[in-house]
Amino acid sequence: MNKPENSEEMLQQEIVKALREVYDPELPVNLYDLGLIYEVNILEDKVVQIVMTLTTPSCPVAEMIPGQVENRVRFVEGVKDVKVKLVWDPPWNRDMMTEEAKLELGLF
């Protein structure tokens, strides 16, 4: 019999699922599969900390995307608060993308 997942693992999966619903407005791929989400940490009291980047610091929607991430994760059942930290180090590169994202963008 399979051991049931703990509630934190289930919450982590739901957060990732929500993150996969936020897309880069210039690319047909979600932020998670693009490799723009560096960390998803569930802290005390179900506060979620997300460390992320963007494809470039001069991204025209740099102010909009972190807010979209925060709002989408905030609606995940069990999440009490969301804190998004935008970082530029390490800089994003194509190697951070999932295989699915690379296929979607024709990078193979």
PDB file of N, CA and C in Angstrom:
ATOM      1  N   MET A   1       0.842  -1.178   0.000  1.00  0.00           N
ATOM      2  CA  MET A   1       0.000   0.000   0.000  1.00  0.00           C
ATOM      3  C   MET A   1       0.891   1.246   0.000  1.00  0.00           C
ATOM      4  N   ASN A   2       0.568   2.204  -0.842  1.00  0.00           N
ATOM      5  CA  ASN A   2       1.364   3.426  -0.917  1.00  0.00           C
ATOM      6  C   ASN A   2       1.150   4.294   0.302  1.00  0.00           C
ATOM      7  N   LYS A   3       2.220   4.871   0.760  1.00  0.00           N
ATOM      8  CA  LYS A   3       2.151   5.792   1.891  1.00  0.00           C
ATOM      9  C   LYS A   3       1.549   7.107   1.401  1.00  0.00           C
ATOM     10  N   PRO A   4       0.511   7.628   2.062  1.00  0.00           N
ATOM     11  CA  PRO A   4      -0.067   8.899   1.621  1.00  0.00           C
ATOM     12  C   PRO A   4       0.928  10.033   1.775  1.00  0.00           C
ATOM     13  N   GLU A   5       0.864  10.970   0.847  1.00  0.00           N
ATOM     14  CA  GLU A   5       1.750  12.122   0.921  1.00  0.00           C
ATOM     15  C   GLU A   5       1.336  13.014   2.082  1.00  0.00           C
ATOM     16  N   ASN A   6       2.305  13.692   2.671  1.00  0.00           N
ATOM     17  CA  ASN A   6       1.945  14.594   3.751  1.00  0.00           C
ATOM     18  C   ASN A   6       1.344  15.862   3.176  1.00  0.00           C
ATOM     19  N   SER A   7       0.718  16.630   4.026  1.00  0.00           N
ATOM     20  CA  SER A   7      -0.004  17.805   3.549  1.00  0.00           C
ATOM     21  C   SER A   7       0.925  18.857   2.942  1.00  0.00           C
ATOM     22  N   GLU A   8       2.161  18.941   3.412  1.00  0.00           N
ATOM     23  CA  GLU A   8       3.094  19.908   2.837  1.00  0.00           C
ATOM     24  C   GLU A   8       3.480  19.512   1.409  1.00  0.00           C
ATOM     25  N   GLU A   9       3.685  18.213   1.180  1.00  0.00           N
ATOM     26  CA  GLU A   9       3.990  17.757  -0.180  1.00  0.00           C
ATOM     27  C   GLU A   9       2.814  18.016  -1.113  1.00  0.00           C
ATOM     28  N   MET A  10       1.614  17.785  -0.627  1.00  0.00           N
ATOM     29  CA  MET A  10       0.418  18.019  -1.438  1.00  0.00           C
ATOM     30  C   MET A  10       0.264  19.511  -1.732  1.00  0.00           C
ATOM     31  N   LEU A  11       0.524  20.351  -0.737  1.00  0.00           N
ATOM     32  CA  LEU A  11       0.444  21.786  -0.930  1.00  0.00           C
ATOM     33  C   LEU A  11       1.492  22.242  -1.944  1.00  0.00           C
ATOM     34  N   GLN A  12       2.688  21.697  -1.853  1.00  0.00           N
ATOM     35  CA  GLN A  12       3.759  22.016  -2.802  1.00  0.00           C
ATOM     36  C   GLN A  12       3.311  21.681  -4.230  1.00  0.00           C
ATOM     37  N   GLN A  13       2.693  20.520  -4.407  1.00  0.00           N
ATOM     38  CA  GLN A  13       2.220  20.114  -5.730  1.00  0.00           C
ATOM     39  C   GLN A  13       1.146  21.067  -6.252  1.00  0.00           C
ATOM     40  N   GLU A  14       0.248  21.498  -5.389  1.00  0.00           N
ATOM     41  CA  GLU A  14      -0.806  22.427  -5.803  1.00  0.00           C
ATOM     42  C   GLU A  14      -0.239  23.803  -6.164  1.00  0.00           C
ATOM     43  N   ILE A  15       0.786  24.211  -5.449  1.00  0.00           N
ATOM     44  CA  ILE A  15       1.442  25.496  -5.748  1.00  0.00           C
ATOM     45  C   ILE A  15       2.106  25.425  -7.116  1.00  0.00           C
ATOM     46  N   VAL A  16       2.820  24.334  -7.386  1.00  0.00           N
ATOM     47  CA  VAL A  16       3.473  24.171  -8.690  1.00  0.00           C
ATOM     48  C   VAL A  16       2.416  24.140  -9.794  1.00  0.00           C
ATOM     49  N   LYS A  17       1.326  23.471  -9.541  1.00  0.00           N
ATOM     50  CA  LYS A  17       0.223  23.424 -10.512  1.00  0.00           C
ATOM     51  C   LYS A  17      -0.288  24.844 -10.803  1.00  0.00           C
ATOM     52  N   ALA A  18      -0.431  25.649  -9.773  1.00  0.00           N
ATOM     53  CA  ALA A  18      -0.877  27.034  -9.944  1.00  0.00           C
ATOM     54  C   ALA A  18       0.161  27.850 -10.704  1.00  0.00           C
ATOM     55  N   LEU A  19       1.432  27.644 -10.397  1.00  0.00           N
ATOM     56  CA  LEU A  19       2.495  28.374 -11.090  1.00  0.00           C
ATOM     57  C   LEU A  19       2.518  28.041 -12.580  1.00  0.00           C
ATOM     58  N   ARG A  20       2.120  26.831 -12.903  1.00  0.00           N
ATOM     59  CA  ARG A  20       2.085  26.436 -14.320  1.00  0.00           C
ATOM     60  C   ARG A  20       0.929  27.093 -15.073  1.00  0.00           C
ATOM     61  N   GLU A  21       0.115  27.854 -14.382  1.00  0.00           N
ATOM     62  CA  GLU A  21      -0.987  28.587 -15.021  1.00  0.00           C
ATOM     63  C   GLU A  21      -0.606  30.035 -15.318  1.00  0.00           C
ATOM     64  N   VAL A  22       0.606  30.439 -14.944  1.00  0.00           N
ATOM     65  CA  VAL A  22       1.071  31.807 -15.197  1.00  0.00           C
ATOM     66  C   VAL A  22       2.058  31.747 -16.363  1.00  0.00           C
ATOM     67  N   TYR A  23       1.734  32.479 -17.412  1.00  0.00           N
ATOM     68  CA  TYR A  23       2.534  32.433 -18.636  1.00  0.00           C
ATOM     69  C   TYR A  23       3.289  33.727 -18.870  1.00  0.00           C
ATOM     70  N   ASP A  24       4.447  33.581 -19.484  1.00  0.00           N
ATOM     71  CA  ASP A  24       5.182  34.726 -19.977  1.00  0.00           C
ATOM     72  C   ASP A  24       4.351  35.287 -21.128  1.00  0.00           C
ATOM     73  N   PRO A  25       4.041  36.580 -21.138  1.00  0.00           N
ATOM     74  CA  PRO A  25       3.175  37.124 -22.183  1.00  0.00           C
ATOM     75  C   PRO A  25       3.775  37.078 -23.591  1.00  0.00           C
ATOM     76  N   GLU A  26       5.084  36.873 -23.686  1.00  0.00           N
ATOM     77  CA  GLU A  26       5.727  36.836 -25.001  1.00  0.00           C
ATOM     78  C   GLU A  26       6.020  35.416 -25.479  1.00  0.00           C
ATOM     79  N   LEU A  27       5.836  34.429 -24.614  1.00  0.00           N
ATOM     80  CA  LEU A  27       6.147  33.048 -24.961  1.00  0.00           C
ATOM     81  C   LEU A  27       4.963  32.145 -24.603  1.00  0.00           C
ATOM     82  N   PRO A  28       4.727  31.083 -25.357  1.00  0.00           N
ATOM     83  CA  PRO A  28       3.608  30.185 -25.058  1.00  0.00           C
ATOM     84  C   PRO A  28       3.954  29.121 -24.018  1.00  0.00           C
ATOM     85  N   VAL A  29       4.752  29.488 -23.025  1.00  0.00           N
ATOM     86  CA  VAL A  29       5.206  28.539 -22.011  1.00  0.00           C
ATOM     87  C   VAL A  29       5.034  29.175 -20.636  1.00  0.00           C
ATOM     88  N   ASN A  30       4.638  28.359 -19.667  1.00  0.00           N
ATOM     89  CA  ASN A  30       4.440  28.881 -18.313  1.00  0.00           C
ATOM     90  C   ASN A  30       5.768  29.169 -17.623  1.00  0.00           C
ATOM     91  N   LEU A  31       5.696  30.013 -16.596  1.00  0.00           N
ATOM     92  CA  LEU A  31       6.909  30.462 -15.896  1.00  0.00           C
ATOM     93  C   LEU A  31       7.667  29.317 -15.236  1.00  0.00           C
ATOM     94  N   TYR A  32       6.931  28.350 -14.701  1.00  0.00           N
ATOM     95  CA  TYR A  32       7.584  27.246 -14.007  1.00  0.00           C
ATOM     96  C   TYR A  32       8.436  26.431 -14.981  1.00  0.00           C
ATOM     97  N   ASP A  33       7.854  26.066 -16.132  1.00  0.00           N
ATOM     98  CA  ASP A  33       8.596  25.266 -17.100  1.00  0.00           C
ATOM     99  C   ASP A  33       9.677  26.060 -17.811  1.00  0.00           C
ATOM    100  N   LEU A  34       9.529  27.368 -17.849  1.00  0.00           N
ATOM    101  CA  LEU A  34      10.597  28.206 -18.397  1.00  0.00           C
ATOM    102  C   LEU A  34      11.818  28.227 -17.477  1.00  0.00           C
ATOM    103  N   GLY A  35      11.642  27.804 -16.226  1.00  0.00           N
ATOM    104  CA  GLY A  35      12.748  27.808 -15.270  1.00  0.00           C
ATOM    105  C   GLY A  35      12.899  29.136 -14.556  1.00  0.00           C
ATOM    106  N   LEU A  36      11.856  29.949 -14.587  1.00  0.00           N
ATOM    107  CA  LEU A  36      11.923  31.258 -13.938  1.00  0.00           C
ATOM    108  C   LEU A  36      11.630  31.201 -12.445  1.00  0.00           C
ATOM    109  N   ILE A  37      11.078  30.093 -11.973  1.00  0.00           N
ATOM    110  CA  ILE A  37      10.804  29.914 -10.548  1.00  0.00           C
ATOM    111  C   ILE A  37      11.976  29.144  -9.956  1.00  0.00           C
ATOM    112  N   TYR A  38      12.765  29.817  -9.141  1.00  0.00           N
ATOM    113  CA  TYR A  38      13.957  29.191  -8.563  1.00  0.00           C
ATOM    114  C   TYR A  38      13.645  28.397  -7.295  1.00  0.00           C
ATOM    115  N   GLU A  39      12.757  28.927  -6.468  1.00  0.00           N
ATOM    116  CA  GLU A  39      12.438  28.248  -5.202  1.00  0.00           C
ATOM    117  C   GLU A  39      10.978  28.450  -4.858  1.00  0.00           C
ATOM    118  N   VAL A  40      10.392  27.416  -4.264  1.00  0.00           N
ATOM    119  CA  VAL A  40       9.064  27.504  -3.663  1.00  0.00           C
ATOM    120  C   VAL A  40       9.224  26.952  -2.259  1.00  0.00           C
ATOM    121  N   ASN A  41       9.138  27.829  -1.265  1.00  0.00           N
ATOM    122  CA  ASN A  41       9.335  27.428   0.122  1.00  0.00           C
ATOM    123  C   ASN A  41       8.047  27.637   0.903  1.00  0.00           C
ATOM    124  N   ILE A  42       7.637  26.601   1.625  1.00  0.00           N
ATOM    125  CA  ILE A  42       6.476  26.718   2.495  1.00  0.00           C
ATOM    126  C   ILE A  42       7.014  26.953   3.894  1.00  0.00           C
ATOM    127  N   LEU A  43       6.758  28.144   4.405  1.00  0.00           N
ATOM    128  CA  LEU A  43       7.264  28.543   5.711  1.00  0.00           C
ATOM    129  C   LEU A  43       6.216  28.264   6.785  1.00  0.00           C
ATOM    130  N   GLU A  44       6.490  28.707   7.991  1.00  0.00           N
ATOM    131  CA  GLU A  44       5.538  28.540   9.090  1.00  0.00           C
ATOM    132  C   GLU A  44       4.198  29.146   8.742  1.00  0.00           C
ATOM    133  N   ASP A  45       3.146  28.572   9.284  1.00  0.00           N
ATOM    134  CA  ASP A  45       1.788  29.070   9.107  1.00  0.00           C
ATOM    135  C   ASP A  45       1.352  29.122   7.645  1.00  0.00           C
ATOM    136  N   LYS A  46       1.917  28.241   6.799  1.00  0.00           N
ATOM    137  CA  LYS A  46       1.533  28.131   5.382  1.00  0.00           C
ATOM    138  C   LYS A  46       1.758  29.415   4.594  1.00  0.00           C
ATOM    139  N   VAL A  47       2.792  30.151   4.974  1.00  0.00           N
ATOM    140  CA  VAL A  47       3.228  31.302   4.185  1.00  0.00           C
ATOM    141  C   VAL A  47       4.170  30.744   3.119  1.00  0.00           C
ATOM    142  N   VAL A  48       3.926  31.118   1.867  1.00  0.00           N
ATOM    143  CA  VAL A  48       4.719  30.605   0.754  1.00  0.00           C
ATOM    144  C   VAL A  48       5.669  31.690   0.267  1.00  0.00           C
ATOM    145  N   GLN A  49       6.929  31.332   0.185  1.00  0.00           N
ATOM    146  CA  GLN A  49       7.949  32.245  -0.336  1.00  0.00           C
ATOM    147  C   GLN A  49       8.389  31.709  -1.690  1.00  0.00           C
ATOM    148  N   ILE A  50       8.295  32.559  -2.699  1.00  0.00           N
ATOM    149  CA  ILE A  50       8.697  32.183  -4.043  1.00  0.00           C
ATOM    150  C   ILE A  50       9.862  33.066  -4.460  1.00  0.00           C
ATOM    151  N   VAL A  51      10.948  32.433  -4.872  1.00  0.00           N
ATOM    152  CA  VAL A  51      12.104  33.144  -5.393  1.00  0.00           C
ATOM    153  C   VAL A  51      12.084  32.909  -6.900  1.00  0.00           C
ATOM    154  N   MET A  52      12.061  34.007  -7.645  1.00  0.00           N
ATOM    155  CA  MET A  52      11.938  33.878  -9.095  1.00  0.00           C
ATOM    156  C   MET A  52      12.772  34.928  -9.810  1.00  0.00           C
ATOM    157  N   THR A  53      12.883  34.763 -11.106  1.00  0.00           N
ATOM    158  CA  THR A  53      13.550  35.729 -11.949  1.00  0.00           C
ATOM    159  C   THR A  53      12.708  35.940 -13.187  1.00  0.00           C
ATOM    160  N   LEU A  54      13.202  36.732 -14.090  1.00  0.00           N
ATOM    161  CA  LEU A  54      12.581  36.941 -15.389  1.00  0.00           C
ATOM    162  C   LEU A  54      13.640  36.676 -16.451  1.00  0.00           C
ATOM    163  N   THR A  55      13.225  36.562 -17.691  1.00  0.00           N
ATOM    164  CA  THR A  55      14.180  36.241 -18.741  1.00  0.00           C
ATOM    165  C   THR A  55      15.238  37.320 -18.905  1.00  0.00           C
ATOM    166  N   THR A  56      14.878  38.569 -18.590  1.00  0.00           N
ATOM    167  CA  THR A  56      15.818  39.684 -18.694  1.00  0.00           C
ATOM    168  C   THR A  56      15.391  40.810 -17.751  1.00  0.00           C
ATOM    169  N   PRO A  57      16.334  41.534 -17.164  1.00  0.00           N
ATOM    170  CA  PRO A  57      15.961  42.652 -16.291  1.00  0.00           C
ATOM    171  C   PRO A  57      15.166  43.735 -17.021  1.00  0.00           C
ATOM    172  N   SER A  58      15.324  43.830 -18.322  1.00  0.00           N
ATOM    173  CA  SER A  58      14.598  44.850 -19.076  1.00  0.00           C
ATOM    174  C   SER A  58      13.252  44.348 -19.595  1.00  0.00           C
ATOM    175  N   CYS A  59      12.773  43.256 -19.034  1.00  0.00           N
ATOM    176  CA  CYS A  59      11.484  42.689 -19.430  1.00  0.00           C
ATOM    177  C   CYS A  59      10.408  43.762 -19.303  1.00  0.00           C
ATOM    178  N   PRO A  60       9.614  43.997 -20.361  1.00  0.00           N
ATOM    179  CA  PRO A  60       8.614  45.054 -20.325  1.00  0.00           C
ATOM    180  C   PRO A  60       7.490  44.820 -19.317  1.00  0.00           C
ATOM    181  N   VAL A  61       7.320  43.593 -18.857  1.00  0.00           N
ATOM    182  CA  VAL A  61       6.263  43.302 -17.886  1.00  0.00           C
ATOM    183  C   VAL A  61       6.848  42.896 -16.528  1.00  0.00           C
ATOM    184  N   ALA A  62       8.053  43.371 -16.247  1.00  0.00           N
ATOM    185  CA  ALA A  62       8.762  42.993 -15.017  1.00  0.00           C
ATOM    186  C   ALA A  62       7.967  43.304 -13.762  1.00  0.00           C
ATOM    187  N   GLU A  63       7.198  44.376 -13.774  1.00  0.00           N
ATOM    188  CA  GLU A  63       6.424  44.725 -12.585  1.00  0.00           C
ATOM    189  C   GLU A  63       5.141  43.915 -12.483  1.00  0.00           C
ATOM    190  N   MET A  64       4.639  43.414 -13.595  1.00  0.00           N
ATOM    191  CA  MET A  64       3.359  42.714 -13.624  1.00  0.00           C
ATOM    192  C   MET A  64       3.475  41.237 -13.244  1.00  0.00           C
ATOM    193  N   ILE A  65       4.487  40.548 -13.734  1.00  0.00           N
ATOM    194  CA  ILE A  65       4.571  39.096 -13.571  1.00  0.00           C
ATOM    195  C   ILE A  65       4.685  38.649 -12.111  1.00  0.00           C
ATOM    196  N   PRO A  66       5.545  39.245 -11.272  1.00  0.00           N
ATOM    197  CA  PRO A  66       5.580  38.806  -9.869  1.00  0.00           C
ATOM    198  C   PRO A  66       4.220  38.950  -9.185  1.00  0.00           C
ATOM    199  N   GLY A  67       3.479  39.977  -9.521  1.00  0.00           N
ATOM    200  CA  GLY A  67       2.131  40.149  -8.956  1.00  0.00           C
ATOM    201  C   GLY A  67       1.185  39.060  -9.416  1.00  0.00           C
ATOM    202  N   GLN A  68       1.311  38.638 -10.669  1.00  0.00           N
ATOM    203  CA  GLN A  68       0.487  37.541 -11.168  1.00  0.00           C
ATOM    204  C   GLN A  68       0.821  36.245 -10.438  1.00  0.00           C
ATOM    205  N   VAL A  69       2.105  36.017 -10.209  1.00  0.00           N
ATOM    206  CA  VAL A  69       2.533  34.826  -9.470  1.00  0.00           C
ATOM    207  C   VAL A  69       1.948  34.859  -8.063  1.00  0.00           C
ATOM    208  N   GLU A  70       2.086  35.975  -7.393  1.00  0.00           N
ATOM    209  CA  GLU A  70       1.564  36.110  -6.029  1.00  0.00           C
ATOM    210  C   GLU A  70       0.061  35.875  -5.986  1.00  0.00           C
ATOM    211  N   ASN A  71      -0.666  36.508  -6.883  1.00  0.00           N
ATOM    212  CA  ASN A  71      -2.125  36.373  -6.876  1.00  0.00           C
ATOM    213  C   ASN A  71      -2.568  34.951  -7.180  1.00  0.00           C
ATOM    214  N   ARG A  72      -1.906  34.275  -8.106  1.00  0.00           N
ATOM    215  CA  ARG A  72      -2.315  32.917  -8.466  1.00  0.00           C
ATOM    216  C   ARG A  72      -2.056  31.953  -7.310  1.00  0.00           C
ATOM    217  N   VAL A  73      -0.908  32.061  -6.667  1.00  0.00           N
ATOM    218  CA  VAL A  73      -0.577  31.153  -5.568  1.00  0.00           C
ATOM    219  C   VAL A  73      -1.447  31.446  -4.344  1.00  0.00           C
ATOM    220  N   ARG A  74      -1.821  32.691  -4.157  1.00  0.00           N
ATOM    221  CA  ARG A  74      -2.665  33.072  -3.025  1.00  0.00           C
ATOM    222  C   ARG A  74      -4.003  32.324  -3.044  1.00  0.00           C
ATOM    223  N   PHE A  75      -4.469  31.925  -4.228  1.00  0.00           N
ATOM    224  CA  PHE A  75      -5.749  31.222  -4.354  1.00  0.00           C
ATOM    225  C   PHE A  75      -5.653  29.721  -4.135  1.00  0.00           C
ATOM    226  N   VAL A  76      -4.454  29.210  -3.914  1.00  0.00           N
ATOM    227  CA  VAL A  76      -4.297  27.787  -3.629  1.00  0.00           C
ATOM    228  C   VAL A  76      -4.828  27.519  -2.221  1.00  0.00           C
ATOM    229  N   GLU A  77      -5.703  26.535  -2.116  1.00  0.00           N
ATOM    230  CA  GLU A  77      -6.290  26.206  -0.822  1.00  0.00           C
ATOM    231  C   GLU A  77      -5.192  25.808   0.165  1.00  0.00           C
ATOM    232  N   GLY A  78      -5.218  26.420   1.331  1.00  0.00           N
ATOM    233  CA  GLY A  78      -4.231  26.138   2.371  1.00  0.00           C
ATOM    234  C   GLY A  78      -3.139  27.181   2.477  1.00  0.00           C
ATOM    235  N   VAL A  79      -2.968  27.997   1.453  1.00  0.00           N
ATOM    236  CA  VAL A  79      -1.940  29.042   1.481  1.00  0.00           C
ATOM    237  C   VAL A  79      -2.495  30.239   2.241  1.00  0.00           C
ATOM    238  N   LYS A  80      -1.754  30.692   3.236  1.00  0.00           N
ATOM    239  CA  LYS A  80      -2.202  31.826   4.054  1.00  0.00           C
ATOM    240  C   LYS A  80      -1.672  33.157   3.546  1.00  0.00           C
ATOM    241  N   ASP A  81      -0.454  33.160   3.005  1.00  0.00           N
ATOM    242  CA  ASP A  81       0.133  34.392   2.482  1.00  0.00           C
ATOM    243  C   ASP A  81       1.215  34.006   1.482  1.00  0.00           C
ATOM    244  N   VAL A  82       1.559  34.940   0.600  1.00  0.00           N
ATOM    245  CA  VAL A  82       2.571  34.693  -0.427  1.00  0.00           C
ATOM    246  C   VAL A  82       3.536  35.863  -0.453  1.00  0.00           C
ATOM    247  N   LYS A  83       4.805  35.535  -0.520  1.00  0.00           N
ATOM    248  CA  LYS A  83       5.846  36.546  -0.641  1.00  0.00           C
ATOM    249  C   LYS A  83       6.693  36.169  -1.849  1.00  0.00           C
ATOM    250  N   VAL A  84       6.781  37.077  -2.816  1.00  0.00           N
ATOM    251  CA  VAL A  84       7.554  36.827  -4.025  1.00  0.00           C
ATOM    252  C   VAL A  84       8.806  37.685  -3.987  1.00  0.00           C
ATOM    253  N   LYS A  85       9.929  37.036  -4.187  1.00  0.00           N
ATOM    254  CA  LYS A  85      11.211  37.742  -4.234  1.00  0.00           C
ATOM    255  C   LYS A  85      11.762  37.611  -5.646  1.00  0.00           C
ATOM    256  N   LEU A  86      11.969  38.743  -6.302  1.00  0.00           N
ATOM    257  CA  LEU A  86      12.520  38.775  -7.646  1.00  0.00           C
ATOM    258  C   LEU A  86      14.032  38.941  -7.551  1.00  0.00           C
ATOM    259  N   VAL A  87      14.773  38.013  -8.171  1.00  0.00           N
ATOM    260  CA  VAL A  87      16.238  38.049  -8.122  1.00  0.00           C
ATOM    261  C   VAL A  87      16.793  38.008  -9.539  1.00  0.00           C
ATOM    262  N   TRP A  88      18.012  38.439  -9.676  1.00  0.00           N
ATOM    263  CA  TRP A  88      18.673  38.416 -10.984  1.00  0.00           C
ATOM    264  C   TRP A  88      19.922  37.543 -10.978  1.00  0.00           C
ATOM    265  N   ASP A  89      20.204  36.922  -9.850  1.00  0.00           N
ATOM    266  CA  ASP A  89      21.363  36.069  -9.731  1.00  0.00           C
ATOM    267  C   ASP A  89      20.923  34.735  -9.139  1.00  0.00           C
ATOM    268  N   PRO A  90      21.118  33.630  -9.792  1.00  0.00           N
ATOM    269  CA  PRO A  90      21.810  33.512 -11.066  1.00  0.00           C
ATOM    270  C   PRO A  90      20.930  34.004 -12.214  1.00  0.00           C
ATOM    271  N   PRO A  91      21.569  34.533 -13.243  1.00  0.00           N
ATOM    272  CA  PRO A  91      20.790  34.977 -14.388  1.00  0.00           C
ATOM    273  C   PRO A  91      20.138  33.785 -15.094  1.00  0.00           C
ATOM    274  N   TRP A  92      18.935  33.997 -15.586  1.00  0.00           N
ATOM    275  CA  TRP A  92      18.216  32.944 -16.294  1.00  0.00           C
ATOM    276  C   TRP A  92      18.910  32.637 -17.623  1.00  0.00           C
ATOM    277  N   ASN A  93      18.868  31.350 -17.997  1.00  0.00           N
ATOM    278  CA  ASN A  93      19.320  30.954 -19.323  1.00  0.00           C
ATOM    279  C   ASN A  93      18.488  29.772 -19.794  1.00  0.00           C
ATOM    280  N   ARG A  94      18.571  29.458 -21.050  1.00  0.00           N
ATOM    281  CA  ARG A  94      17.727  28.416 -21.655  1.00  0.00           C
ATOM    282  C   ARG A  94      17.911  27.046 -21.025  1.00  0.00           C
ATOM    283  N   ASP A  95      19.061  26.794 -20.433  1.00  0.00           N
ATOM    284  CA  ASP A  95      19.309  25.499 -19.809  1.00  0.00           C
ATOM    285  C   ASP A  95      18.404  25.256 -18.605  1.00  0.00           C
ATOM    286  N   MET A  96      17.772  26.296 -18.087  1.00  0.00           N
ATOM    287  CA  MET A  96      16.896  26.176 -16.923  1.00  0.00           C
ATOM    288  C   MET A  96      15.490  25.707 -17.299  1.00  0.00           C
ATOM    289  N   MET A  97      15.204  25.669 -18.585  1.00  0.00           N
ATOM    290  CA  MET A  97      13.885  25.270 -19.056  1.00  0.00           C
ATOM    291  C   MET A  97      13.715  23.756 -18.980  1.00  0.00           C
ATOM    292  N   THR A  98      12.466  23.312 -18.793  1.00  0.00           N
ATOM    293  CA  THR A  98      12.179  21.879 -18.842  1.00  0.00           C
ATOM    294  C   THR A  98      12.266  21.409 -20.292  1.00  0.00           C
ATOM    295  N   GLU A  99      12.386  20.107 -20.474  1.00  0.00           N
ATOM    296  CA  GLU A  99      12.422  19.537 -21.816  1.00  0.00           C
ATOM    297  C   GLU A  99      11.138  19.892 -22.575  1.00  0.00           C
ATOM    298  N   GLU A 100       9.998  19.872 -21.876  1.00  0.00           N
ATOM    299  CA  GLU A 100       8.722  20.202 -22.499  1.00  0.00           C
ATOM    300  C   GLU A 100       8.711  21.625 -23.021  1.00  0.00           C
ATOM    301  N   ALA A 101       9.267  22.556 -22.252  1.00  0.00           N
ATOM    302  CA  ALA A 101       9.308  23.937 -22.675  1.00  0.00           C
ATOM    303  C   ALA A 101      10.205  24.106 -23.902  1.00  0.00           C
ATOM    304  N   LYS A 102      11.321  23.408 -23.910  1.00  0.00           N
ATOM    305  CA  LYS A 102      12.223  23.486 -25.054  1.00  0.00           C
ATOM    306  C   LYS A 102      11.552  22.943 -26.317  1.00  0.00           C
ATOM    307  N   LEU A 103      10.803  21.848 -26.151  1.00  0.00           N
ATOM    308  CA  LEU A 103      10.083  21.289 -27.288  1.00  0.00           C
ATOM    309  C   LEU A 103       9.019  22.268 -27.792  1.00  0.00           C
ATOM    310  N   GLU A 104       8.281  22.868 -26.869  1.00  0.00           N
ATOM    311  CA  GLU A 104       7.231  23.811 -27.224  1.00  0.00           C
ATOM    312  C   GLU A 104       7.796  24.991 -28.014  1.00  0.00           C
ATOM    313  N   LEU A 105       8.991  25.420 -27.656  1.00  0.00           N
ATOM    314  CA  LEU A 105       9.605  26.558 -28.325  1.00  0.00           C
ATOM    315  C   LEU A 105      10.489  26.164 -29.512  1.00  0.00           C
ATOM    316  N   GLY A 106      10.559  24.856 -29.795  1.00  0.00           N
ATOM    317  CA  GLY A 106      11.340  24.387 -30.931  1.00  0.00           C
ATOM    318  C   GLY A 106      12.834  24.567 -30.760  1.00  0.00           C
ATOM    319  N   LEU A 107      13.316  24.374 -29.543  1.00  0.00           N
ATOM    320  CA  LEU A 107      14.741  24.597 -29.277  1.00  0.00           C
ATOM    321  C   LEU A 107      15.581  23.324 -29.373  1.00  0.00           C
ATOM    322  N   PHE A 108      15.033  22.267 -29.922  1.00  0.00           N
ATOM    323  CA  PHE A 108      15.809  21.028 -30.107  1.00  0.00           C
ATOM    324  C   PHE A 108      16.196  20.869 -31.545  1.00  0.00           C
TER     325      PHE A 108
END
